[in-house]
Amino acid sequence: MKKVWVASDGWRGRFTPVNAVAGSADTGSWDDSPCPSNSVTAELNAIKKALKQAGINYKSTWGSSSNLFCIHRYIVVAEEDVELGKEVVQHWLDSNPSEFAYIP
């Protein structure tokens, strides 16, 4: 899977899949997690449902980050579906309260 480096500052960042249409940080299930796994899963599952309704096939994947306590979860589509997939995700984000999901 082709990835690109996304820098968050001069020395930190993460690799992001090129064909990702949605993503979210996931900091686990601890009481003090700013991006708890169960909430992240709920948002990403709702986005997957919207993609499925639009006829777009997807895969889920994850990547590490420079934060030891955080992974990034992604929804990836075929190259020819990236533009439409991002439109579907943007519509979902505009129509639903979202704390964690974003378009990479």
PDB file of N, CA and C in Angstrom:
ATOM      1  N   MET A   1       0.852  -1.167   0.000  1.00  0.00           N
ATOM      2  CA  MET A   1       0.000   0.000   0.000  1.00  0.00           C
ATOM      3  C   MET A   1       0.904   1.239   0.000  1.00  0.00           C
ATOM      4  N   LYS A   2       0.681   2.106  -0.948  1.00  0.00           N
ATOM      5  CA  LYS A   2       1.486   3.316  -1.058  1.00  0.00           C
ATOM      6  C   LYS A   2       1.105   4.298   0.045  1.00  0.00           C
ATOM      7  N   LYS A   3       2.134   4.868   0.700  1.00  0.00           N
ATOM      8  CA  LYS A   3       1.909   5.801   1.802  1.00  0.00           C
ATOM      9  C   LYS A   3       2.725   7.067   1.580  1.00  0.00           C
ATOM     10  N   VAL A   4       2.300   8.132   2.267  1.00  0.00           N
ATOM     11  CA  VAL A   4       3.007   9.400   2.213  1.00  0.00           C
ATOM     12  C   VAL A   4       3.236   9.877   3.642  1.00  0.00           C
ATOM     13  N   TRP A   5       4.360  10.538   3.888  1.00  0.00           N
ATOM     14  CA  TRP A   5       4.677  11.066   5.200  1.00  0.00           C
ATOM     15  C   TRP A   5       3.922  12.373   5.422  1.00  0.00           C
ATOM     16  N   VAL A   6       3.208  12.470   6.532  1.00  0.00           N
ATOM     17  CA  VAL A   6       2.487  13.688   6.906  1.00  0.00           C
ATOM     18  C   VAL A   6       3.131  14.199   8.188  1.00  0.00           C
ATOM     19  N   ALA A   7       3.822  15.323   8.103  1.00  0.00           N
ATOM     20  CA  ALA A   7       4.529  15.876   9.251  1.00  0.00           C
ATOM     21  C   ALA A   7       3.589  16.707  10.118  1.00  0.00           C
ATOM     22  N   SER A   8       3.680  16.525  11.416  1.00  0.00           N
ATOM     23  CA  SER A   8       2.900  17.355  12.330  1.00  0.00           C
ATOM     24  C   SER A   8       3.746  18.501  12.876  1.00  0.00           C
ATOM     25  N   ASP A   9       5.052  18.377  12.768  1.00  0.00           N
ATOM     26  CA  ASP A   9       5.991  19.466  13.048  1.00  0.00           C
ATOM     27  C   ASP A   9       7.337  19.056  12.468  1.00  0.00           C
ATOM     28  N   GLY A  10       8.406  19.676  12.907  1.00  0.00           N
ATOM     29  CA  GLY A  10       9.716  19.429  12.325  1.00  0.00           C
ATOM     30  C   GLY A  10      10.236  18.012  12.461  1.00  0.00           C
ATOM     31  N   TRP A  11       9.816  17.284  13.464  1.00  0.00           N
ATOM     32  CA  TRP A  11      10.352  15.931  13.654  1.00  0.00           C
ATOM     33  C   TRP A  11       9.303  14.874  13.946  1.00  0.00           C
ATOM     34  N   ARG A  12       8.049  15.257  14.013  1.00  0.00           N
ATOM     35  CA  ARG A  12       6.988  14.278  14.282  1.00  0.00           C
ATOM     36  C   ARG A  12       6.051  14.167  13.095  1.00  0.00           C
ATOM     37  N   GLY A  13       5.345  13.047  13.027  1.00  0.00           N
ATOM     38  CA  GLY A  13       4.375  12.846  11.971  1.00  0.00           C
ATOM     39  C   GLY A  13       3.974  11.392  11.880  1.00  0.00           C
ATOM     40  N   ARG A  14       3.425  11.021  10.707  1.00  0.00           N
ATOM     41  CA  ARG A  14       2.955   9.654  10.496  1.00  0.00           C
ATOM     42  C   ARG A  14       2.884   9.384   9.000  1.00  0.00           C
ATOM     43  N   PHE A  15       2.908   8.108   8.644  1.00  0.00           N
ATOM     44  CA  PHE A  15       2.674   7.708   7.271  1.00  0.00           C
ATOM     45  C   PHE A  15       1.176   7.504   7.082  1.00  0.00           C
ATOM     46  N   THR A  16       0.630   8.065   6.010  1.00  0.00           N
ATOM     47  CA  THR A  16      -0.793   7.977   5.703  1.00  0.00           C
ATOM     48  C   THR A  16      -0.965   7.296   4.347  1.00  0.00           C
ATOM     49  N   PRO A  17      -1.868   6.316   4.243  1.00  0.00           N
ATOM     50  CA  PRO A  17      -2.115   5.690   2.943  1.00  0.00           C
ATOM     51  C   PRO A  17      -2.609   6.725   1.919  1.00  0.00           C
ATOM     52  N   VAL A  18      -2.074   6.661   0.723  1.00  0.00           N
ATOM     53  CA  VAL A  18      -2.417   7.623  -0.327  1.00  0.00           C
ATOM     54  C   VAL A  18      -3.911   7.572  -0.666  1.00  0.00           C
ATOM     55  N   ASN A  19      -4.509   6.391  -0.651  1.00  0.00           N
ATOM     56  CA  ASN A  19      -5.912   6.248  -1.035  1.00  0.00           C
ATOM     57  C   ASN A  19      -6.860   6.297   0.155  1.00  0.00           C
ATOM     58  N   ALA A  20      -6.423   6.845   1.269  1.00  0.00           N
ATOM     59  CA  ALA A  20      -7.295   6.964   2.442  1.00  0.00           C
ATOM     60  C   ALA A  20      -8.320   8.066   2.205  1.00  0.00           C
ATOM     61  N   VAL A  21      -9.580   7.772   2.519  1.00  0.00           N
ATOM     62  CA  VAL A  21     -10.645   8.766   2.397  1.00  0.00           C
ATOM     63  C   VAL A  21     -11.139   9.230   3.762  1.00  0.00           C
ATOM     64  N   ALA A  22     -10.769   8.501   4.814  1.00  0.00           N
ATOM     65  CA  ALA A  22     -11.137   8.889   6.174  1.00  0.00           C
ATOM     66  C   ALA A  22     -10.093   8.326   7.122  1.00  0.00           C
ATOM     67  N   GLY A  23      -9.949   8.996   8.251  1.00  0.00           N
ATOM     68  CA  GLY A  23      -9.011   8.529   9.261  1.00  0.00           C
ATOM     69  C   GLY A  23      -9.393   9.059  10.619  1.00  0.00           C
ATOM     70  N   SER A  24      -8.725   8.523  11.623  1.00  0.00           N
ATOM     71  CA  SER A  24      -8.937   8.977  12.989  1.00  0.00           C
ATOM     72  C   SER A  24      -7.771   8.523  13.846  1.00  0.00           C
ATOM     73  N   ALA A  25      -7.411   9.332  14.810  1.00  0.00           N
ATOM     74  CA  ALA A  25      -6.468   8.903  15.831  1.00  0.00           C
ATOM     75  C   ALA A  25      -7.212   7.968  16.779  1.00  0.00           C
ATOM     76  N   ASP A  26      -6.499   7.035  17.368  1.00  0.00           N
ATOM     77  CA  ASP A  26      -7.078   6.090  18.330  1.00  0.00           C
ATOM     78  C   ASP A  26      -6.075   5.925  19.460  1.00  0.00           C
ATOM     79  N   THR A  27      -6.480   6.332  20.652  1.00  0.00           N
ATOM     80  CA  THR A  27      -5.573   6.278  21.802  1.00  0.00           C
ATOM     81  C   THR A  27      -5.957   5.194  22.798  1.00  0.00           C
ATOM     82  N   GLY A  28      -6.767   4.238  22.379  1.00  0.00           N
ATOM     83  CA  GLY A  28      -7.064   3.102  23.241  1.00  0.00           C
ATOM     84  C   GLY A  28      -8.283   3.313  24.116  1.00  0.00           C
ATOM     85  N   SER A  29      -8.407   2.452  25.098  1.00  0.00           N
ATOM     86  CA  SER A  29      -9.613   2.418  25.929  1.00  0.00           C
ATOM     87  C   SER A  29      -9.384   2.857  27.370  1.00  0.00           C
ATOM     88  N   TRP A  30      -8.317   3.541  27.618  1.00  0.00           N
ATOM     89  CA  TRP A  30      -8.052   4.035  28.973  1.00  0.00           C
ATOM     90  C   TRP A  30      -9.063   5.111  29.350  1.00  0.00           C
ATOM     91  N   ASP A  31      -9.287   5.313  30.631  1.00  0.00           N
ATOM     92  CA  ASP A  31     -10.247   6.314  31.102  1.00  0.00           C
ATOM     93  C   ASP A  31      -9.926   7.718  30.607  1.00  0.00           C
ATOM     94  N   ASP A  32      -8.639   8.027  30.445  1.00  0.00           N
ATOM     95  CA  ASP A  32      -8.238   9.378  30.048  1.00  0.00           C
ATOM     96  C   ASP A  32      -7.890   9.499  28.564  1.00  0.00           C
ATOM     97  N   SER A  33      -8.277   8.519  27.749  1.00  0.00           N
ATOM     98  CA  SER A  33      -7.958   8.554  26.317  1.00  0.00           C
ATOM     99  C   SER A  33      -8.698   9.691  25.622  1.00  0.00           C
ATOM    100  N   PRO A  34      -7.973  10.577  24.935  1.00  0.00           N
ATOM    101  CA  PRO A  34      -8.640  11.665  24.212  1.00  0.00           C
ATOM    102  C   PRO A  34      -9.368  11.193  22.956  1.00  0.00           C
ATOM    103  N   CYS A  35      -8.969  10.056  22.403  1.00  0.00           N
ATOM    104  CA  CYS A  35      -9.622   9.479  21.221  1.00  0.00           C
ATOM    105  C   CYS A  35      -9.915   8.007  21.524  1.00  0.00           C
ATOM    106  N   PRO A  36     -10.938   7.751  22.345  1.00  0.00           N
ATOM    107  CA  PRO A  36     -11.192   6.383  22.790  1.00  0.00           C
ATOM    108  C   PRO A  36     -11.622   5.451  21.648  1.00  0.00           C
ATOM    109  N   SER A  37     -11.112   4.234  21.697  1.00  0.00           N
ATOM    110  CA  SER A  37     -11.340   3.256  20.635  1.00  0.00           C
ATOM    111  C   SER A  37     -12.814   3.047  20.311  1.00  0.00           C
ATOM    112  N   ASN A  38     -13.673   2.931  21.322  1.00  0.00           N
ATOM    113  CA  ASN A  38     -15.084   2.656  21.041  1.00  0.00           C
ATOM    114  C   ASN A  38     -15.754   3.816  20.301  1.00  0.00           C
ATOM    115  N   SER A  39     -15.412   5.040  20.619  1.00  0.00           N
ATOM    116  CA  SER A  39     -15.992   6.195  19.921  1.00  0.00           C
ATOM    117  C   SER A  39     -15.450   6.310  18.493  1.00  0.00           C
ATOM    118  N   VAL A  40     -14.166   6.066  18.343  1.00  0.00           N
ATOM    119  CA  VAL A  40     -13.546   6.095  17.016  1.00  0.00           C
ATOM    120  C   VAL A  40     -14.168   5.016  16.131  1.00  0.00           C
ATOM    121  N   THR A  41     -14.329   3.818  16.674  1.00  0.00           N
ATOM    122  CA  THR A  41     -14.924   2.718  15.924  1.00  0.00           C
ATOM    123  C   THR A  41     -16.332   3.064  15.466  1.00  0.00           C
ATOM    124  N   ALA A  42     -17.120   3.670  16.325  1.00  0.00           N
ATOM    125  CA  ALA A  42     -18.498   4.031  15.968  1.00  0.00           C
ATOM    126  C   ALA A  42     -18.512   5.012  14.793  1.00  0.00           C
ATOM    127  N   GLU A  43     -17.662   6.034  14.837  1.00  0.00           N
ATOM    128  CA  GLU A  43     -17.630   7.008  13.738  1.00  0.00           C
ATOM    129  C   GLU A  43     -17.159   6.364  12.440  1.00  0.00           C
ATOM    130  N   LEU A  44     -16.084   5.587  12.500  1.00  0.00           N
ATOM    131  CA  LEU A  44     -15.566   4.969  11.284  1.00  0.00           C
ATOM    132  C   LEU A  44     -16.555   3.957  10.711  1.00  0.00           C
ATOM    133  N   ASN A  45     -17.263   3.237  11.564  1.00  0.00           N
ATOM    134  CA  ASN A  45     -18.281   2.300  11.067  1.00  0.00           C
ATOM    135  C   ASN A  45     -19.420   3.034  10.364  1.00  0.00           C
ATOM    136  N   ALA A  46     -19.812   4.189  10.878  1.00  0.00           N
ATOM    137  CA  ALA A  46     -20.861   4.979  10.228  1.00  0.00           C
ATOM    138  C   ALA A  46     -20.389   5.480   8.862  1.00  0.00           C
ATOM    139  N   ILE A  47     -19.133   5.860   8.761  1.00  0.00           N
ATOM    140  CA  ILE A  47     -18.578   6.303   7.478  1.00  0.00           C
ATOM    141  C   ILE A  47     -18.518   5.125   6.503  1.00  0.00           C
ATOM    142  N   LYS A  48     -18.131   3.949   6.989  1.00  0.00           N
ATOM    143  CA  LYS A  48     -18.110   2.757   6.133  1.00  0.00           C
ATOM    144  C   LYS A  48     -19.504   2.459   5.590  1.00  0.00           C
ATOM    145  N   LYS A  49     -20.501   2.631   6.413  1.00  0.00           N
ATOM    146  CA  LYS A  49     -21.884   2.400   5.982  1.00  0.00           C
ATOM    147  C   LYS A  49     -22.255   3.373   4.858  1.00  0.00           C
ATOM    148  N   ALA A  50     -21.863   4.640   5.002  1.00  0.00           N
ATOM    149  CA  ALA A  50     -22.148   5.637   3.962  1.00  0.00           C
ATOM    150  C   ALA A  50     -21.420   5.287   2.665  1.00  0.00           C
ATOM    151  N   LEU A  51     -20.176   4.830   2.763  1.00  0.00           N
ATOM    152  CA  LEU A  51     -19.434   4.430   1.570  1.00  0.00           C
ATOM    153  C   LEU A  51     -20.099   3.231   0.900  1.00  0.00           C
ATOM    154  N   LYS A  52     -20.531   2.265   1.702  1.00  0.00           N
ATOM    155  CA  LYS A  52     -21.195   1.077   1.161  1.00  0.00           C
ATOM    156  C   LYS A  52     -22.482   1.461   0.435  1.00  0.00           C
ATOM    157  N   GLN A  53     -23.255   2.393   1.027  1.00  0.00           N
ATOM    158  CA  GLN A  53     -24.496   2.850   0.398  1.00  0.00           C
ATOM    159  C   GLN A  53     -24.225   3.558  -0.928  1.00  0.00           C
ATOM    160  N   ALA A  54     -23.043   4.163  -1.041  1.00  0.00           N
ATOM    161  CA  ALA A  54     -22.660   4.838  -2.287  1.00  0.00           C
ATOM    162  C   ALA A  54     -22.032   3.874  -3.287  1.00  0.00           C
ATOM    163  N   GLY A  55     -21.929   2.591  -2.919  1.00  0.00           N
ATOM    164  CA  GLY A  55     -21.373   1.593  -3.820  1.00  0.00           C
ATOM    165  C   GLY A  55     -19.860   1.582  -3.886  1.00  0.00           C
ATOM    166  N   ILE A  56     -19.216   2.097  -2.852  1.00  0.00           N
ATOM    167  CA  ILE A  56     -17.757   2.172  -2.824  1.00  0.00           C
ATOM    168  C   ILE A  56     -17.218   1.092  -1.897  1.00  0.00           C
ATOM    169  N   ASN A  57     -16.371   0.216  -2.443  1.00  0.00           N
ATOM    170  CA  ASN A  57     -15.704  -0.801  -1.631  1.00  0.00           C
ATOM    171  C   ASN A  57     -14.555  -0.164  -0.873  1.00  0.00           C
ATOM    172  N   TYR A  58     -14.266  -0.673   0.303  1.00  0.00           N
ATOM    173  CA  TYR A  58     -13.233  -0.085   1.161  1.00  0.00           C
ATOM    174  C   TYR A  58     -12.515  -1.176   1.939  1.00  0.00           C
ATOM    175  N   LYS A  59     -11.387  -0.787   2.501  1.00  0.00           N
ATOM    176  CA  LYS A  59     -10.638  -1.634   3.424  1.00  0.00           C
ATOM    177  C   LYS A  59     -10.263  -0.768   4.622  1.00  0.00           C
ATOM    178  N   SER A  60     -10.099  -1.415   5.749  1.00  0.00           N
ATOM    179  CA  SER A  60      -9.634  -0.723   6.955  1.00  0.00           C
ATOM    180  C   SER A  60      -8.173  -1.066   7.172  1.00  0.00           C
ATOM    181  N   THR A  61      -7.413  -0.089   7.606  1.00  0.00           N
ATOM    182  CA  THR A  61      -6.018  -0.312   7.930  1.00  0.00           C
ATOM    183  C   THR A  61      -5.620   0.647   9.037  1.00  0.00           C
ATOM    184  N   TRP A  62      -4.404   0.541   9.495  1.00  0.00           N
ATOM    185  CA  TRP A  62      -3.937   1.429  10.553  1.00  0.00           C
ATOM    186  C   TRP A  62      -2.463   1.724  10.325  1.00  0.00           C
ATOM    187  N   GLY A  63      -1.992   2.737  11.004  1.00  0.00           N
ATOM    188  CA  GLY A  63      -0.581   3.096  10.951  1.00  0.00           C
ATOM    189  C   GLY A  63      -0.141   3.659  12.283  1.00  0.00           C
ATOM    190  N   SER A  64       1.135   3.563  12.520  1.00  0.00           N
ATOM    191  CA  SER A  64       1.675   4.096  13.771  1.00  0.00           C
ATOM    192  C   SER A  64       1.869   5.602  13.648  1.00  0.00           C
ATOM    193  N   SER A  65       2.149   6.227  14.764  1.00  0.00           N
ATOM    194  CA  SER A  65       2.432   7.657  14.774  1.00  0.00           C
ATOM    195  C   SER A  65       3.656   7.881  15.651  1.00  0.00           C
ATOM    196  N   SER A  66       4.105   9.094  15.714  1.00  0.00           N
ATOM    197  CA  SER A  66       5.240   9.399  16.566  1.00  0.00           C
ATOM    198  C   SER A  66       4.843   9.449  18.038  1.00  0.00           C
ATOM    199  N   ASN A  67       3.547   9.365  18.326  1.00  0.00           N
ATOM    200  CA  ASN A  67       3.049   9.299  19.694  1.00  0.00           C
ATOM    201  C   ASN A  67       2.943   7.824  20.083  1.00  0.00           C
ATOM    202  N   LEU A  68       3.690   7.410  21.044  1.00  0.00           N
ATOM    203  CA  LEU A  68       3.732   6.015  21.480  1.00  0.00           C
ATOM    204  C   LEU A  68       2.362   5.485  21.875  1.00  0.00           C
ATOM    205  N   PHE A  69       1.470   6.346  22.323  1.00  0.00           N
ATOM    206  CA  PHE A  69       0.161   5.933  22.834  1.00  0.00           C
ATOM    207  C   PHE A  69      -0.968   6.102  21.812  1.00  0.00           C
ATOM    208  N   CYS A  70      -0.616   6.279  20.541  1.00  0.00           N
ATOM    209  CA  CYS A  70      -1.632   6.578  19.528  1.00  0.00           C
ATOM    210  C   CYS A  70      -1.339   5.828  18.231  1.00  0.00           C
ATOM    211  N   ILE A  71      -2.398   5.263  17.648  1.00  0.00           N
ATOM    212  CA  ILE A  71      -2.320   4.769  16.280  1.00  0.00           C
ATOM    213  C   ILE A  71      -3.288   5.603  15.457  1.00  0.00           C
ATOM    214  N   HIS A  72      -3.156   5.532  14.159  1.00  0.00           N
ATOM    215  CA  HIS A  72      -4.113   6.183  13.269  1.00  0.00           C
ATOM    216  C   HIS A  72      -4.805   5.099  12.473  1.00  0.00           C
ATOM    217  N   ARG A  73      -6.113   5.156  12.441  1.00  0.00           N
ATOM    218  CA  ARG A  73      -6.933   4.197  11.708  1.00  0.00           C
ATOM    219  C   ARG A  73      -7.427   4.870  10.436  1.00  0.00           C
ATOM    220  N   TYR A  74      -7.461   4.102   9.341  1.00  0.00           N
ATOM    221  CA  TYR A  74      -7.819   4.657   8.041  1.00  0.00           C
ATOM    222  C   TYR A  74      -8.836   3.782   7.330  1.00  0.00           C
ATOM    223  N   ILE A  75      -9.631   4.419   6.487  1.00  0.00           N
ATOM    224  CA  ILE A  75     -10.490   3.738   5.527  1.00  0.00           C
ATOM    225  C   ILE A  75      -9.907   4.052   4.158  1.00  0.00           C
ATOM    226  N   VAL A  76      -9.561   2.990   3.428  1.00  0.00           N
ATOM    227  CA  VAL A  76      -8.873   3.114   2.144  1.00  0.00           C
ATOM    228  C   VAL A  76      -9.768   2.555   1.047  1.00  0.00           C
ATOM    229  N   VAL A  77      -9.768   3.228  -0.104  1.00  0.00           N
ATOM    230  CA  VAL A  77     -10.553   2.794  -1.263  1.00  0.00           C
ATOM    231  C   VAL A  77      -9.628   2.634  -2.467  1.00  0.00           C
ATOM    232  N   ALA A  78     -10.162   2.077  -3.534  1.00  0.00           N
ATOM    233  CA  ALA A  78      -9.404   1.958  -4.782  1.00  0.00           C
ATOM    234  C   ALA A  78      -9.075   3.351  -5.316  1.00  0.00           C
ATOM    235  N   GLU A  79      -7.996   3.437  -6.048  1.00  0.00           N
ATOM    236  CA  GLU A  79      -7.529   4.728  -6.567  1.00  0.00           C
ATOM    237  C   GLU A  79      -8.620   5.464  -7.340  1.00  0.00           C
ATOM    238  N   GLU A  80      -9.388   4.734  -8.136  1.00  0.00           N
ATOM    239  CA  GLU A  80     -10.425   5.384  -8.952  1.00  0.00           C
ATOM    240  C   GLU A  80     -11.617   5.865  -8.126  1.00  0.00           C
ATOM    241  N   ASP A  81     -11.702   5.449  -6.858  1.00  0.00           N
ATOM    242  CA  ASP A  81     -12.820   5.852  -5.994  1.00  0.00           C
ATOM    243  C   ASP A  81     -12.448   6.923  -4.964  1.00  0.00           C
ATOM    244  N   VAL A  82     -11.205   7.387  -4.980  1.00  0.00           N
ATOM    245  CA  VAL A  82     -10.751   8.323  -3.942  1.00  0.00           C
ATOM    246  C   VAL A  82     -11.562   9.618  -3.957  1.00  0.00           C
ATOM    247  N   GLU A  83     -11.728  10.228  -5.106  1.00  0.00           N
ATOM    248  CA  GLU A  83     -12.433  11.516  -5.179  1.00  0.00           C
ATOM    249  C   GLU A  83     -13.881  11.382  -4.703  1.00  0.00           C
ATOM    250  N   LEU A  84     -14.602  10.407  -5.228  1.00  0.00           N
ATOM    251  CA  LEU A  84     -15.990  10.194  -4.810  1.00  0.00           C
ATOM    252  C   LEU A  84     -16.053   9.793  -3.339  1.00  0.00           C
ATOM    253  N   GLY A  85     -15.127   8.962  -2.905  1.00  0.00           N
ATOM    254  CA  GLY A  85     -15.096   8.552  -1.503  1.00  0.00           C
ATOM    255  C   GLY A  85     -14.925   9.735  -0.566  1.00  0.00           C
ATOM    256  N   LYS A  86     -14.041  10.652  -0.908  1.00  0.00           N
ATOM    257  CA  LYS A  86     -13.847  11.843  -0.068  1.00  0.00           C
ATOM    258  C   LYS A  86     -15.091  12.725  -0.066  1.00  0.00           C
ATOM    259  N   GLU A  87     -15.802  12.787  -1.194  1.00  0.00           N
ATOM    260  CA  GLU A  87     -17.060  13.546  -1.231  1.00  0.00           C
ATOM    261  C   GLU A  87     -18.097  12.915  -0.298  1.00  0.00           C
ATOM    262  N   VAL A  88     -18.192  11.593  -0.310  1.00  0.00           N
ATOM    263  CA  VAL A  88     -19.132  10.891   0.574  1.00  0.00           C
ATOM    264  C   VAL A  88     -18.762  11.142   2.026  1.00  0.00           C
ATOM    265  N   VAL A  89     -17.479  11.052   2.339  1.00  0.00           N
ATOM    266  CA  VAL A  89     -17.034  11.283   3.716  1.00  0.00           C
ATOM    267  C   VAL A  89     -17.294  12.729   4.131  1.00  0.00           C
ATOM    268  N   GLN A  90     -17.017  13.678   3.249  1.00  0.00           N
ATOM    269  CA  GLN A  90     -17.261  15.088   3.585  1.00  0.00           C
ATOM    270  C   GLN A  90     -18.739  15.330   3.855  1.00  0.00           C
ATOM    271  N   HIS A  91     -19.598  14.738   3.034  1.00  0.00           N
ATOM    272  CA  HIS A  91     -21.043  14.861   3.262  1.00  0.00           C
ATOM    273  C   HIS A  91     -21.418  14.279   4.625  1.00  0.00           C
ATOM    274  N   TRP A  92     -20.839  13.115   4.948  1.00  0.00           N
ATOM    275  CA  TRP A  92     -21.129  12.500   6.250  1.00  0.00           C
ATOM    276  C   TRP A  92     -20.660  13.414   7.382  1.00  0.00           C
ATOM    277  N   LEU A  93     -19.451  13.959   7.268  1.00  0.00           N
ATOM    278  CA  LEU A  93     -18.915  14.848   8.306  1.00  0.00           C
ATOM    279  C   LEU A  93     -19.766  16.107   8.459  1.00  0.00           C
ATOM    280  N   ASP A  94     -20.278  16.639   7.341  1.00  0.00           N
ATOM    281  CA  ASP A  94     -21.120  17.832   7.391  1.00  0.00           C
ATOM    282  C   ASP A  94     -22.487  17.550   8.014  1.00  0.00           C
ATOM    283  N   SER A  95     -22.941  16.299   7.914  1.00  0.00           N
ATOM    284  CA  SER A  95     -24.287  15.934   8.358  1.00  0.00           C
ATOM    285  C   SER A  95     -24.341  15.299   9.738  1.00  0.00           C
ATOM    286  N   ASN A  96     -23.202  14.968  10.314  1.00  0.00           N
ATOM    287  CA  ASN A  96     -23.167  14.240  11.580  1.00  0.00           C
ATOM    288  C   ASN A  96     -22.180  14.868  12.548  1.00  0.00           C
ATOM    289  N   PRO A  97     -22.500  14.841  13.813  1.00  0.00           N
ATOM    290  CA  PRO A  97     -21.526  15.328  14.791  1.00  0.00           C
ATOM    291  C   PRO A  97     -20.345  14.362  14.848  1.00  0.00           C
ATOM    292  N   SER A  98     -19.163  14.867  14.626  1.00  0.00           N
ATOM    293  CA  SER A  98     -17.967  14.025  14.617  1.00  0.00           C
ATOM    294  C   SER A  98     -16.899  14.652  15.482  1.00  0.00           C
ATOM    295  N   GLU A  99     -16.333  13.878  16.372  1.00  0.00           N
ATOM    296  CA  GLU A  99     -15.240  14.364  17.204  1.00  0.00           C
ATOM    297  C   GLU A  99     -13.894  13.888  16.724  1.00  0.00           C
ATOM    298  N   PHE A 100     -13.858  12.780  15.979  1.00  0.00           N
ATOM    299  CA  PHE A 100     -12.588  12.120  15.724  1.00  0.00           C
ATOM    300  C   PHE A 100     -12.242  11.936  14.253  1.00  0.00           C
ATOM    301  N   ALA A 101     -13.214  11.656  13.411  1.00  0.00           N
ATOM    302  CA  ALA A 101     -12.943  11.342  11.998  1.00  0.00           C
ATOM    303  C   ALA A 101     -12.529  12.594  11.236  1.00  0.00           C
ATOM    304  N   TYR A 102     -11.688  12.378  10.245  1.00  0.00           N
ATOM    305  CA  TYR A 102     -11.214  13.473   9.391  1.00  0.00           C
ATOM    306  C   TYR A 102     -10.898  12.900   8.009  1.00  0.00           C
ATOM    307  N   ILE A 103     -10.748  13.784   7.048  1.00  0.00           N
ATOM    308  CA  ILE A 103     -10.305  13.392   5.713  1.00  0.00           C
ATOM    309  C   ILE A 103      -8.806  13.672   5.650  1.00  0.00           C
ATOM    310  N   PRO A 104      -8.011  12.624   5.419  1.00  0.00           N
ATOM    311  CA  PRO A 104      -6.531  12.813   5.371  1.00  0.00           C
ATOM    312  C   PRO A 104      -6.104  13.694   4.200  1.00  0.00           C
TER     313      PRO A 104
END
